[in-house]
C-alpha atoms as a PDB file:
ATOM      1  CA  MET A   1       0.000   0.000   0.000  1.00  0.00           C
ATOM      2  CA  ASP A   2       1.294   3.456  -0.930  1.00  0.00           C
ATOM      3  CA  SER A   3       0.822   5.427   2.299  1.00  0.00           C
ATOM      4  CA  GLN A   4       1.915   8.656   0.616  1.00  0.00           C
ATOM      5  CA  LEU A   5      -0.776   8.277  -2.045  1.00  0.00           C
ATOM      6  CA  ILE A   6      -3.400   7.477   0.591  1.00  0.00           C
ATOM      7  CA  GLY A   7      -2.398  10.664   2.415  1.00  0.00           C
ATOM      8  CA  GLU A   8      -2.534  12.743  -0.768  1.00  0.00           C
ATOM      9  CA  ILE A   9      -6.048  11.526  -1.512  1.00  0.00           C
ATOM     10  CA  LYS A  10      -7.113  12.269   2.063  1.00  0.00           C
ATOM     11  CA  ASN A  11      -5.805  15.819   1.739  1.00  0.00           C
ATOM     12  CA  ARG A  12      -7.477  16.273  -1.656  1.00  0.00           C
ATOM     13  CA  LEU A  13     -10.839  15.095  -0.315  1.00  0.00           C
ATOM     14  CA  SER A  14     -10.558  17.284   2.775  1.00  0.00           C
ATOM     15  CA  ILE A  15     -10.292  20.499   0.716  1.00  0.00           C
ATOM     16  CA  ALA A  16     -12.873  19.479  -1.883  1.00  0.00           C
ATOM     17  CA  ASN A  17     -16.253  21.205  -1.720  1.00  0.00           C
ATOM     18  CA  ASN A  18     -18.042  20.646  -5.035  1.00  0.00           C
ATOM     19  CA  ILE A  19     -17.405  17.087  -6.154  1.00  0.00           C
ATOM     20  CA  ILE A  20     -18.429  15.076  -9.185  1.00  0.00           C
ATOM     21  CA  ILE A  21     -18.101  11.293  -9.003  1.00  0.00           C
ATOM     22  CA  ALA A  22     -18.612   9.119 -12.077  1.00  0.00           C
ATOM     23  CA  SER A  23     -18.473   5.427 -12.881  1.00  0.00           C
ATOM     24  CA  HIS A  24     -18.703   3.428 -16.073  1.00  0.00           C
ATOM     25  CA  VAL A  25     -21.436   3.037 -18.675  1.00  0.00           C
ATOM     26  CA  ARG A  26     -23.725  -0.009 -18.327  1.00  0.00           C
ATOM     27  CA  PRO A  27     -23.012   0.035 -14.584  1.00  0.00           C
ATOM     28  CA  ASP A  28     -22.775  -3.168 -12.582  1.00  0.00           C
ATOM     29  CA  GLY A  29     -23.052  -3.700  -8.837  1.00  0.00           C
ATOM     30  CA  ASP A  30     -19.541  -2.499  -8.082  1.00  0.00           C
ATOM     31  CA  ALA A  31     -19.993   0.662 -10.161  1.00  0.00           C
ATOM     32  CA  ILE A  32     -23.168   1.468  -8.205  1.00  0.00           C
ATOM     33  CA  GLY A  33     -21.719   0.333  -4.879  1.00  0.00           C
ATOM     34  CA  SER A  34     -18.507   2.330  -5.115  1.00  0.00           C
ATOM     35  CA  LEU A  35     -20.269   5.411  -6.517  1.00  0.00           C
ATOM     36  CA  LEU A  36     -22.856   5.455  -3.721  1.00  0.00           C
ATOM     37  CA  GLY A  37     -20.392   4.384  -1.042  1.00  0.00           C
ATOM     38  CA  LEU A  38     -18.025   7.267  -1.730  1.00  0.00           C
ATOM     39  CA  GLY A  39     -20.735   9.748  -2.692  1.00  0.00           C
ATOM     40  CA  LEU A  40     -22.830   9.244   0.434  1.00  0.00           C
ATOM     41  CA  ALA A  41     -19.737   9.409   2.659  1.00  0.00           C
ATOM     42  CA  LEU A  42     -18.739  12.746   1.144  1.00  0.00           C
ATOM     43  CA  ARG A  43     -22.313  14.066   1.437  1.00  0.00           C
ATOM     44  CA  ASP A  44     -22.410  13.035   5.101  1.00  0.00           C
ATOM     45  CA  ALA A  45     -19.252  15.121   5.567  1.00  0.00           C
ATOM     46  CA  GLY A  46     -21.146  18.187   4.341  1.00  0.00           C
ATOM     47  CA  LYS A  47     -19.783  18.345   0.811  1.00  0.00           C
ATOM     48  CA  SER A  48     -21.748  19.054  -2.366  1.00  0.00           C
ATOM     49  CA  VAL A  49     -21.669  15.862  -4.438  1.00  0.00           C
ATOM     50  CA  GLN A  50     -23.007  14.950  -7.868  1.00  0.00           C
ATOM     51  CA  MET A  51     -23.072  11.194  -8.557  1.00  0.00           C
ATOM     52  CA  ILE A  52     -23.136  10.544 -12.309  1.00  0.00           C
ATOM     53  CA  LEU A  53     -23.825   7.459 -14.409  1.00  0.00           C
ATOM     54  CA  ALA A  54     -24.207   8.176 -18.132  1.00  0.00           C
ATOM     55  CA  ASP A  55     -26.701   5.294 -18.420  1.00  0.00           C
ATOM     56  CA  GLY A  56     -28.446   6.034 -15.130  1.00  0.00           C
ATOM     57  CA  ALA A  57     -28.945   3.674 -12.210  1.00  0.00           C
ATOM     58  CA  PRO A  58     -30.132   0.197 -13.281  1.00  0.00           C
ATOM     59  CA  ALA A  59     -33.549  -0.836 -12.028  1.00  0.00           C
ATOM     60  CA  SER A  60     -32.034  -3.790 -10.158  1.00  0.00           C
ATOM     61  CA  PHE A  61     -30.132  -1.408  -7.846  1.00  0.00           C
ATOM     62  CA  LYS A  62     -32.708   1.334  -7.328  1.00  0.00           C
ATOM     63  CA  HIS A  63     -33.555  -0.088  -3.907  1.00  0.00           C
ATOM     64  CA  LEU A  64     -30.203   1.206  -2.618  1.00  0.00           C
ATOM     65  CA  GLU A  65     -30.448   4.350  -0.503  1.00  0.00           C
ATOM     66  CA  GLY A  66     -29.146   7.322  -2.461  1.00  0.00           C
ATOM     67  CA  SER A  67     -29.808   5.810  -5.892  1.00  0.00           C
ATOM     68  CA  LYS A  68     -32.384   8.525  -6.619  1.00  0.00           C
ATOM     69  CA  LEU A  69     -29.575  11.077  -6.343  1.00  0.00           C
ATOM     70  CA  ILE A  70     -27.738   9.558  -9.319  1.00  0.00           C
ATOM     71  CA  LYS A  71     -28.002  11.664 -12.478  1.00  0.00           C
ATOM     72  CA  LYS A  72     -27.031  11.030 -16.108  1.00  0.00           C
ATOM     73  CA  GLU A  73     -24.920  14.156 -16.554  1.00  0.00           C
ATOM     74  CA  PRO A  74     -23.308  16.793 -14.345  1.00  0.00           C
ATOM     75  CA  VAL A  75     -24.657  20.316 -13.907  1.00  0.00           C
ATOM     76  CA  GLY A  76     -22.662  23.415 -12.985  1.00  0.00           C
ATOM     77  CA  GLY A  77     -19.105  23.723 -11.763  1.00  0.00           C
ATOM     78  CA  HIS A  78     -16.924  21.557  -9.574  1.00  0.00           C
ATOM     79  CA  ASP A  79     -13.550  21.649  -7.868  1.00  0.00           C
ATOM     80  CA  THR A  80     -12.936  17.891  -7.732  1.00  0.00           C
ATOM     81  CA  PHE A  81     -13.642  15.158 -10.277  1.00  0.00           C
ATOM     82  CA  ILE A  82     -13.413  11.492  -9.194  1.00  0.00           C
ATOM     83  CA  THR A  83     -13.881   8.273 -11.156  1.00  0.00           C
ATOM     84  CA  VAL A  84     -14.537   4.895  -9.533  1.00  0.00           C
ATOM     85  CA  ASP A  85     -14.373   1.394 -11.024  1.00  0.00           C
ATOM     86  CA  CYS A  86     -13.281   2.621 -14.491  1.00  0.00           C
ATOM     87  CA  ALA A  87     -10.343   0.949 -16.233  1.00  0.00           C
ATOM     88  CA  ASP A  88     -10.081   3.728 -18.822  1.00  0.00           C
ATOM     89  CA  PHE A  89     -11.506   7.213 -19.127  1.00  0.00           C
ATOM     90  CA  LYS A  90     -13.684   6.395 -22.144  1.00  0.00           C
ATOM     91  CA  ARG A  91     -15.764   4.141 -19.898  1.00  0.00           C
ATOM     92  CA  VAL A  92     -17.367   7.079 -18.079  1.00  0.00           C
ATOM     93  CA  GLY A  93     -19.251   7.949 -21.267  1.00  0.00           C
ATOM     94  CA  LYS A  94     -19.525  10.723 -23.815  1.00  0.00           C
ATOM     95  CA  VAL A  95     -20.870  13.281 -21.339  1.00  0.00           C
ATOM     96  CA  PHE A  96     -17.330  13.542 -19.956  1.00  0.00           C
ATOM     97  CA  GLU A  97     -15.457  13.663 -23.291  1.00  0.00           C
ATOM     98  CA  ASN A  98     -14.332  17.281 -22.786  1.00  0.00           C
ATOM     99  CA  PHE A  99     -14.250  17.224 -19.015  1.00  0.00           C
ATOM    100  CA  GLY A 100     -10.526  17.121 -18.356  1.00  0.00           C
ATOM    101  CA  GLN A 101      -8.365  14.764 -16.318  1.00  0.00           C
ATOM    102  CA  PRO A 102      -9.957  13.328 -13.165  1.00  0.00           C
ATOM    103  CA  ASP A 103      -8.394  14.492  -9.921  1.00  0.00           C
ATOM    104  CA  ILE A 104      -8.732  11.011  -8.380  1.00  0.00           C
ATOM    105  CA  ASN A 105      -9.050   7.616 -10.085  1.00  0.00           C
ATOM    106  CA  ILE A 106      -9.996   4.702  -7.786  1.00  0.00           C
ATOM    107  CA  ASP A 107     -10.167   1.236  -9.322  1.00  0.00           C
ATOM    108  CA  HIS A 108      -9.250  -2.447  -9.044  1.00  0.00           C
ATOM    109  CA  HIS A 109      -8.897  -3.451 -12.720  1.00  0.00           C
ATOM    110  CA  LYS A 110      -5.425  -4.701 -13.664  1.00  0.00           C
ATOM    111  CA  THR A 111      -5.825  -3.025 -17.067  1.00  0.00           C
ATOM    112  CA  ASN A 112      -6.397   0.444 -15.560  1.00  0.00           C
ATOM    113  CA  GLU A 113      -4.695   3.128 -17.675  1.00  0.00           C
ATOM    114  CA  ARG A 114      -3.891   5.382 -14.687  1.00  0.00           C
ATOM    115  CA  PHE A 115      -5.596   8.357 -16.303  1.00  0.00           C
ATOM    116  CA  GLY A 116      -6.109  10.435 -13.144  1.00  0.00           C
ATOM    117  CA  LYS A 117      -3.905  12.932 -11.355  1.00  0.00           C
ATOM    118  CA  LEU A 118      -3.989  10.628  -8.321  1.00  0.00           C
ATOM    119  CA  ASN A 119      -4.425   6.937  -9.144  1.00  0.00           C
ATOM    120  CA  LEU A 120      -5.394   4.491  -6.406  1.00  0.00           C
ATOM    121  CA  ILE A 121      -5.297   1.201  -8.309  1.00  0.00           C
ATOM    122  CA  GLU A 122      -5.365  -1.939  -6.150  1.00  0.00           C
ATOM    123  CA  ALA A 123      -5.734  -4.779  -8.631  1.00  0.00           C
ATOM    124  CA  GLU A 124      -5.480  -7.417  -5.908  1.00  0.00           C
ATOM    125  CA  GLU A 125      -8.742  -6.224  -4.348  1.00  0.00           C
ATOM    126  CA  VAL A 126     -11.962  -8.057  -5.231  1.00  0.00           C
ATOM    127  CA  ALA A 127     -13.876  -4.852  -5.971  1.00  0.00           C
ATOM    128  CA  THR A 128     -13.514  -1.086  -6.006  1.00  0.00           C
ATOM    129  CA  SER A 129     -16.048  -1.177  -3.177  1.00  0.00           C
ATOM    130  CA  ALA A 130     -13.513  -3.203  -1.175  1.00  0.00           C
ATOM    131  CA  ILE A 131     -10.875  -0.504  -1.714  1.00  0.00           C
ATOM    132  CA  LEU A 132     -13.269   2.098  -0.341  1.00  0.00           C
ATOM    133  CA  THR A 133     -14.231  -0.139   2.574  1.00  0.00           C
ATOM    134  CA  ALA A 134     -10.563  -0.211   3.572  1.00  0.00           C
ATOM    135  CA  HIS A 135      -9.750   3.460   3.029  1.00  0.00           C
ATOM    136  CA  LEU A 136     -12.859   5.517   3.832  1.00  0.00           C
ATOM    137  CA  PRO A 137     -12.179   5.341   7.606  1.00  0.00           C
ATOM    138  CA  GLU A 138      -8.511   6.264   6.964  1.00  0.00           C
ATOM    139  CA  TRP A 139      -9.730   9.332   5.069  1.00  0.00           C
ATOM    140  CA  GLY A 140     -11.883  10.354   8.014  1.00  0.00           C
ATOM    141  CA  PHE A 141     -15.294   9.180   6.773  1.00  0.00           C
ATOM    142  CA  LYS A 142     -17.733   7.045   8.755  1.00  0.00           C
ATOM    143  CA  ILE A 143     -19.260   3.986   7.093  1.00  0.00           C
ATOM    144  CA  THR A 144     -22.946   4.173   7.990  1.00  0.00           C
ATOM    145  CA  GLN A 145     -25.503   1.461   7.236  1.00  0.00           C
ATOM    146  CA  PRO A 146     -26.551   2.938   3.830  1.00  0.00           C
ATOM    147  CA  ILE A 147     -22.883   3.245   2.813  1.00  0.00           C
ATOM    148  CA  ALA A 148     -22.168  -0.289   4.035  1.00  0.00           C
ATOM    149  CA  THR A 149     -25.147  -1.603   2.050  1.00  0.00           C
ATOM    150  CA  ALA A 150     -23.805  -0.023  -1.130  1.00  0.00           C
ATOM    151  CA  LEU A 151     -20.243  -1.260  -0.572  1.00  0.00           C
ATOM    152  CA  LEU A 152     -21.384  -4.769   0.326  1.00  0.00           C
ATOM    153  CA  THR A 153     -23.468  -4.843  -2.871  1.00  0.00           C
ATOM    154  CA  GLY A 154     -20.324  -4.032  -4.858  1.00  0.00           C
ATOM    155  CA  ILE A 155     -18.258  -6.749  -3.194  1.00  0.00           C
ATOM    156  CA  ILE A 156     -20.946  -9.423  -3.466  1.00  0.00           C
ATOM    157  CA  THR A 157     -21.621  -8.761  -7.148  1.00  0.00           C
ATOM    158  CA  ASP A 158     -17.988  -8.557  -8.258  1.00  0.00           C
ATOM    159  CA  THR A 159     -17.146 -11.813  -6.460  1.00  0.00           C
ATOM    160  CA  LEU A 160     -20.358 -13.486  -7.704  1.00  0.00           C
ATOM    161  CA  GLY A 161     -21.283 -14.163  -4.106  1.00  0.00           C
ATOM    162  CA  PHE A 162     -17.702 -15.011  -3.022  1.00  0.00           C
ATOM    163  CA  ARG A 163     -17.260 -17.537  -5.840  1.00  0.00           C
ATOM    164  CA  THR A 164     -14.444 -15.884  -7.816  1.00  0.00           C
ATOM    165  CA  SER A 165     -10.899 -17.192  -7.434  1.00  0.00           C
ATOM    166  CA  ASN A 166      -9.633 -13.865  -6.042  1.00  0.00           C
ATOM    167  CA  THR A 167     -11.929 -14.019  -2.991  1.00  0.00           C
ATOM    168  CA  THR A 168      -9.699 -13.692   0.080  1.00  0.00           C
ATOM    169  CA  PRO A 169     -10.073 -13.982   3.844  1.00  0.00           C
ATOM    170  CA  GLU A 170      -9.593 -10.206   3.990  1.00  0.00           C
ATOM    171  CA  ALA A 171     -12.566  -9.665   1.655  1.00  0.00           C
ATOM    172  CA  LEU A 172     -14.738 -11.810   3.924  1.00  0.00           C
ATOM    173  CA  ARG A 173     -13.511  -9.903   6.989  1.00  0.00           C
ATOM    174  CA  GLN A 174     -14.447  -6.648   5.245  1.00  0.00           C
ATOM    175  CA  CYS A 175     -17.941  -7.986   4.644  1.00  0.00           C
ATOM    176  CA  ALA A 176     -18.259  -8.942   8.296  1.00  0.00           C
ATOM    177  CA  THR A 177     -17.271  -5.394   9.278  1.00  0.00           C
ATOM    178  CA  LEU A 178     -19.868  -3.955   6.915  1.00  0.00           C
ATOM    179  CA  MET A 179     -22.523  -6.319   8.296  1.00  0.00           C
ATOM    180  CA  GLU A 180     -21.858  -4.993  11.793  1.00  0.00           C
ATOM    181  CA  THR A 181     -23.494  -1.692  10.778  1.00  0.00           C
ATOM    182  CA  GLY A 182     -26.813  -3.580  10.666  1.00  0.00           C
ATOM    183  CA  VAL A 183     -26.844  -4.496   6.981  1.00  0.00           C
ATOM    184  CA  ASP A 184     -29.128  -7.384   5.986  1.00  0.00           C
ATOM    185  CA  MET A 185     -26.606  -9.442   4.025  1.00  0.00           C
ATOM    186  CA  PRO A 186     -28.977 -12.230   2.877  1.00  0.00           C
ATOM    187  CA  GLU A 187     -31.344  -9.608   1.474  1.00  0.00           C
ATOM    188  CA  ILE A 188     -28.499  -7.870  -0.399  1.00  0.00           C
ATOM    189  CA  TYR A 189     -27.335 -11.227  -1.752  1.00  0.00           C
ATOM    190  CA  MET A 190     -30.815 -12.137  -2.985  1.00  0.00           C
ATOM    191  CA  ARG A 191     -31.417  -8.747  -4.628  1.00  0.00           C
ATOM    192  CA  ALA A 192     -27.970  -8.537  -6.208  1.00  0.00           C
ATOM    193  CA  LEU A 193     -27.489 -12.079  -7.488  1.00  0.00           C
ATOM    194  CA  VAL A 194     -30.595 -14.215  -7.261  1.00  0.00           C
ATOM    195  CA  LYS A 195     -33.789 -12.276  -7.934  1.00  0.00           C
ATOM    196  CA  LYS A 196     -34.659 -11.468 -11.554  1.00  0.00           C
ATOM    197  CA  THR A 197     -37.562  -9.607 -13.107  1.00  0.00           C
ATOM    198  CA  PHE A 198     -39.900 -11.491 -15.420  1.00  0.00           C
ATOM    199  CA  PRO A 199     -38.550  -9.628 -18.521  1.00  0.00           C
ATOM    200  CA  ALA A 200     -34.975 -10.461 -17.478  1.00  0.00           C
ATOM    201  CA  ALA A 201     -35.905 -14.131 -17.143  1.00  0.00           C
ATOM    202  CA  LYS A 202     -37.457 -14.128 -20.644  1.00  0.00           C
ATOM    203  CA  TYR A 203     -34.338 -12.391 -21.939  1.00  0.00           C
ATOM    204  CA  TRP A 204     -32.186 -15.110 -20.360  1.00  0.00           C
ATOM    205  CA  GLY A 205     -34.303 -17.667 -22.168  1.00  0.00           C
ATOM    206  CA  ALA A 206     -33.402 -16.121 -25.527  1.00  0.00           C
ATOM    207  CA  GLY A 207     -29.724 -16.103 -24.604  1.00  0.00           C
ATOM    208  CA  LEU A 208     -29.687 -19.682 -23.348  1.00  0.00           C
ATOM    209  CA  SER A 209     -31.454 -20.917 -26.478  1.00  0.00           C
ATOM    210  CA  SER A 210     -28.634 -19.369 -28.527  1.00  0.00           C
ATOM    211  CA  LEU A 211     -25.825 -21.189 -26.697  1.00  0.00           C
ATOM    212  CA  GLU A 212     -22.939 -22.613 -28.719  1.00  0.00           C
ATOM    213  CA  SER A 213     -19.784 -24.434 -27.649  1.00  0.00           C
ATOM    214  CA  LYS A 214     -16.607 -25.065 -29.625  1.00  0.00           C
ATOM    215  CA  ASN A 215     -12.860 -25.260 -29.020  1.00  0.00           C
ATOM    216  CA  GLY A 216     -13.189 -24.755 -25.279  1.00  0.00           C
ATOM    217  CA  ILE A 217     -15.417 -21.685 -25.587  1.00  0.00           C
ATOM    218  CA  VAL A 218     -19.101 -21.543 -24.669  1.00  0.00           C
ATOM    219  CA  TRP A 219     -20.997 -18.441 -25.732  1.00  0.00           C
ATOM    220  CA  GLY A 220     -24.454 -16.942 -25.918  1.00  0.00           C
ATOM    221  CA  THR A 221     -25.884 -14.187 -28.087  1.00  0.00           C
ATOM    222  CA  LEU A 222     -28.438 -11.521 -27.209  1.00  0.00           C
ATOM    223  CA  THR A 223     -29.895  -9.310 -29.933  1.00  0.00           C
ATOM    224  CA  VAL A 224     -31.794  -6.033 -29.854  1.00  0.00           C
ATOM    225  CA  ALA A 225     -34.820  -8.033 -31.013  1.00  0.00           C
ATOM    226  CA  ASP A 226     -34.423 -10.371 -28.017  1.00  0.00           C
ATOM    227  CA  ARG A 227     -34.589  -7.385 -25.655  1.00  0.00           C
ATOM    228  CA  LYS A 228     -37.693  -6.006 -27.324  1.00  0.00           C
ATOM    229  CA  ALA A 229     -39.430  -9.376 -27.336  1.00  0.00           C
ATOM    230  CA  ALA A 230     -38.688  -9.900 -23.642  1.00  0.00           C
ATOM    231  CA  GLY A 231     -39.584  -6.341 -22.671  1.00  0.00           C
ATOM    232  CA  TYR A 232     -36.173  -5.969 -21.011  1.00  0.00           C
ATOM    233  CA  GLY A 233     -35.320  -2.303 -20.516  1.00  0.00           C
ATOM    234  CA  GLY A 234     -31.530  -2.482 -20.238  1.00  0.00           C
ATOM    235  CA  ASN A 235     -28.885  -2.818 -22.939  1.00  0.00           C
ATOM    236  CA  ASP A 236     -26.784  -5.348 -21.034  1.00  0.00           C
ATOM    237  CA  ASP A 237     -26.942  -9.138 -20.632  1.00  0.00           C
ATOM    238  CA  ALA A 238     -28.975  -9.125 -17.368  1.00  0.00           C
ATOM    239  CA  ASP A 239     -26.051 -11.069 -15.844  1.00  0.00           C
ATOM    240  CA  LEU A 240     -26.517 -14.001 -18.221  1.00  0.00           C
ATOM    241  CA  ILE A 241     -22.723 -14.337 -18.236  1.00  0.00           C
ATOM    242  CA  ASN A 242     -22.915 -15.608 -14.666  1.00  0.00           C
ATOM    243  CA  MET A 243     -25.173 -18.450 -15.770  1.00  0.00           C
ATOM    244  CA  ILE A 244     -22.898 -19.289 -18.689  1.00  0.00           C
ATOM    245  CA  SER A 245     -19.928 -19.290 -16.315  1.00  0.00           C
ATOM    246  CA  ALA A 246     -21.520 -22.216 -14.476  1.00  0.00           C
ATOM    247  CA  ILE A 247     -21.434 -24.464 -17.567  1.00  0.00           C
ATOM    248  CA  ASP A 248     -18.820 -27.163 -17.049  1.00  0.00           C
ATOM    249  CA  GLY A 249     -16.284 -28.462 -19.549  1.00  0.00           C
ATOM    250  CA  ASN A 250     -15.065 -25.188 -21.110  1.00  0.00           C
ATOM    251  CA  LYS A 251     -12.141 -22.816 -20.632  1.00  0.00           C
ATOM    252  CA  VAL A 252     -13.877 -19.542 -21.518  1.00  0.00           C
ATOM    253  CA  GLY A 253     -17.464 -18.293 -21.326  1.00  0.00           C
ATOM    254  CA  MET A 254     -18.676 -15.352 -23.406  1.00  0.00           C
ATOM    255  CA  VAL A 255     -21.782 -13.290 -24.115  1.00  0.00           C
ATOM    256  CA  PHE A 256     -22.298 -11.087 -27.170  1.00  0.00           C
ATOM    257  CA  VAL A 257     -24.874  -8.326 -26.656  1.00  0.00           C
ATOM    258  CA  GLU A 258     -25.959  -6.444 -29.772  1.00  0.00           C
ATOM    259  CA  GLN A 259     -26.430  -2.688 -29.308  1.00  0.00           C
ATOM    260  CA  THR A 260     -28.636  -0.298 -31.254  1.00  0.00           C
ATOM    261  CA  ASP A 261     -25.839   1.885 -32.658  1.00  0.00           C
ATOM    262  CA  ASN A 262     -23.880  -0.711 -34.649  1.00  0.00           C
ATOM    263  CA  HIS A 263     -21.640  -2.074 -31.972  1.00  0.00           C
ATOM    264  CA  VAL A 264     -21.527  -5.123 -29.735  1.00  0.00           C
ATOM    265  CA  LYS A 265     -20.772  -5.512 -26.038  1.00  0.00           C
ATOM    266  CA  ILE A 266     -18.730  -8.620 -25.189  1.00  0.00           C
ATOM    267  CA  SER A 267     -18.115 -10.187 -21.785  1.00  0.00           C
ATOM    268  CA  TRP A 268     -15.456 -12.852 -21.185  1.00  0.00           C
ATOM    269  CA  ARG A 269     -15.128 -15.151 -18.184  1.00  0.00           C
ATOM    270  CA  ALA A 270     -12.237 -17.501 -17.486  1.00  0.00           C
ATOM    271  CA  LEU A 271     -13.704 -20.873 -16.541  1.00  0.00           C
ATOM    272  CA  GLU A 272     -10.461 -22.664 -15.794  1.00  0.00           C
ATOM    273  CA  ALA A 273      -7.548 -21.857 -13.483  1.00  0.00           C
ATOM    274  CA  GLY A 274      -4.652 -20.198 -15.262  1.00  0.00           C
ATOM    275  CA  VAL A 275      -6.748 -18.653 -18.049  1.00  0.00           C
ATOM    276  CA  ASP A 276      -6.369 -14.854 -18.319  1.00  0.00           C
ATOM    277  CA  VAL A 277      -8.969 -13.127 -20.500  1.00  0.00           C
ATOM    278  CA  SER A 278      -7.872  -9.538 -19.796  1.00  0.00           C
ATOM    279  CA  PRO A 279      -5.337  -9.351 -22.691  1.00  0.00           C
ATOM    280  CA  ILE A 280      -8.082 -10.289 -25.162  1.00  0.00           C
ATOM    281  CA  ALA A 281     -10.329  -7.514 -23.866  1.00  0.00           C
ATOM    282  CA  LYS A 282      -7.386  -5.111 -23.951  1.00  0.00           C
ATOM    283  CA  HIS A 283      -6.740  -6.072 -27.603  1.00  0.00           C
ATOM    284  CA  PHE A 284     -10.251  -4.841 -28.393  1.00  0.00           C
ATOM    285  CA  GLN A 285      -9.774  -1.616 -26.360  1.00  0.00           C
ATOM    286  CA  GLY A 286     -11.620  -3.077 -23.401  1.00  0.00           C
ATOM    287  CA  GLY A 287     -10.325  -4.147 -20.023  1.00  0.00           C
ATOM    288  CA  GLY A 288     -10.925  -6.033 -16.823  1.00  0.00           C
ATOM    289  CA  HIS A 289      -9.414  -8.800 -14.758  1.00  0.00           C
ATOM    290  CA  ALA A 290      -7.775 -12.142 -15.437  1.00  0.00           C
ATOM    291  CA  ALA A 291     -11.032 -13.931 -14.666  1.00  0.00           C
ATOM    292  CA  ALA A 292     -13.528 -11.404 -16.054  1.00  0.00           C
ATOM    293  CA  ALA A 293     -13.237  -8.763 -18.748  1.00  0.00           C
ATOM    294  CA  GLY A 294     -15.276  -6.913 -21.330  1.00  0.00           C
ATOM    295  CA  ALA A 295     -15.176  -4.676 -24.393  1.00  0.00           C
ATOM    296  CA  ASP A 296     -17.395  -2.728 -26.789  1.00  0.00           C
ATOM    297  CA  ILE A 297     -16.612  -3.228 -30.476  1.00  0.00           C
ATOM    298  CA  ARG A 298     -18.034  -1.310 -33.398  1.00  0.00           C
ATOM    299  CA  GLY A 299     -19.545  -3.399 -36.188  1.00  0.00           C
ATOM    300  CA  SER A 300     -22.398  -5.748 -36.929  1.00  0.00           C
ATOM    301  CA  LEU A 301     -23.129  -8.659 -34.618  1.00  0.00           C
ATOM    302  CA  SER A 302     -22.050 -11.286 -37.173  1.00  0.00           C
ATOM    303  CA  GLU A 303     -18.810  -9.473 -38.038  1.00  0.00           C
ATOM    304  CA  VAL A 304     -17.822  -8.814 -34.446  1.00  0.00           C
ATOM    305  CA  GLN A 305     -18.716 -12.307 -33.278  1.00  0.00           C
ATOM    306  CA  LYS A 306     -16.589 -13.946 -35.978  1.00  0.00           C
ATOM    307  CA  GLU A 307     -13.582 -11.708 -35.292  1.00  0.00           C
ATOM    308  CA  VAL A 308     -13.753 -11.982 -31.500  1.00  0.00           C
ATOM    309  CA  LEU A 309     -14.174 -15.764 -31.430  1.00  0.00           C
ATOM    310  CA  GLU A 310     -11.198 -16.183 -33.769  1.00  0.00           C
ATOM    311  CA  LYS A 311      -8.997 -13.841 -31.722  1.00  0.00           C
ATOM    312  CA  THR A 312     -10.037 -15.472 -28.441  1.00  0.00           C
ATOM    313  CA  ARG A 313      -9.092 -18.913 -29.774  1.00  0.00           C
ATOM    314  CA  GLU A 314      -5.816 -17.563 -31.142  1.00  0.00           C
ATOM    315  CA  MET A 315      -4.723 -15.671 -28.013  1.00  0.00           C
ATOM    316  CA  LEU A 316      -5.613 -18.545 -25.686  1.00  0.00           C
ATOM    317  CA  ASN A 317      -4.278 -21.170 -28.067  1.00  0.00           C
ATOM    318  CA  LEU A 318      -7.575 -23.031 -28.118  1.00  0.00           C
ATOM    319  CA  LYS A 319      -8.066 -25.675 -30.804  1.00  0.00           C
END
């Protein structure tokens, strides 16, 4: 741990008054958890805070306290700009294209491009929410029950309920500390990982019916038409990748999600020890971790799928 960096961030936060915090497009549980965890802590300290997600807060996380404060774009001036859970600056979305360099960049992706003035990148941590769990008290902020609920949501979702290979005793101890604020952990677990809306379940059905497996890769495909037919309001995979990751006998799991503006979102999961999918995502200007990564690629679904499957086989030497 870089104690000097931790001190510099503490000093920067102490003098900040008008703060903008942003996380990545198509936000997951850790994006929401780290955004709310830090944002609510700063608000409790009397600071003016705008919490921004270019795609808004997903319906599956709107039960979290503070989620109604999340906006799609910033308004007015600021003296401090912070990003959380973003491996590269493009991931915060087009609303920040001309915004300037973030003052603080907090993340746990090994592919992080260190694009901030101060970069707290702890790739060994299970989630950005875990980084904040460790450092918020050091920075002088109290972790209240609403903050703990947000942070625990981030840790649970990024570890798939403590099932990822990077889950550590320290991560479990952090969760125990967060639970001691009065958080209902079983309820968070159910909401974050188990419960699905009826449209999401129908959407999963379309994805599962599309499953293919070849050369150690198992993949599913979700089209714009699938979303419309299911009545699913998001433009993501509704966490279908987690279901595909449970399929035995493969080295890599993938989901291709067609978008409306001629590009495709891809998620990779390593299904076998020793497989690192982050270089593949990085090749396609994406990023992530050894076990889980993603990218957005311009092109038609058929073109992108063909190219990505070929490159995945090539880079992992799958035959």
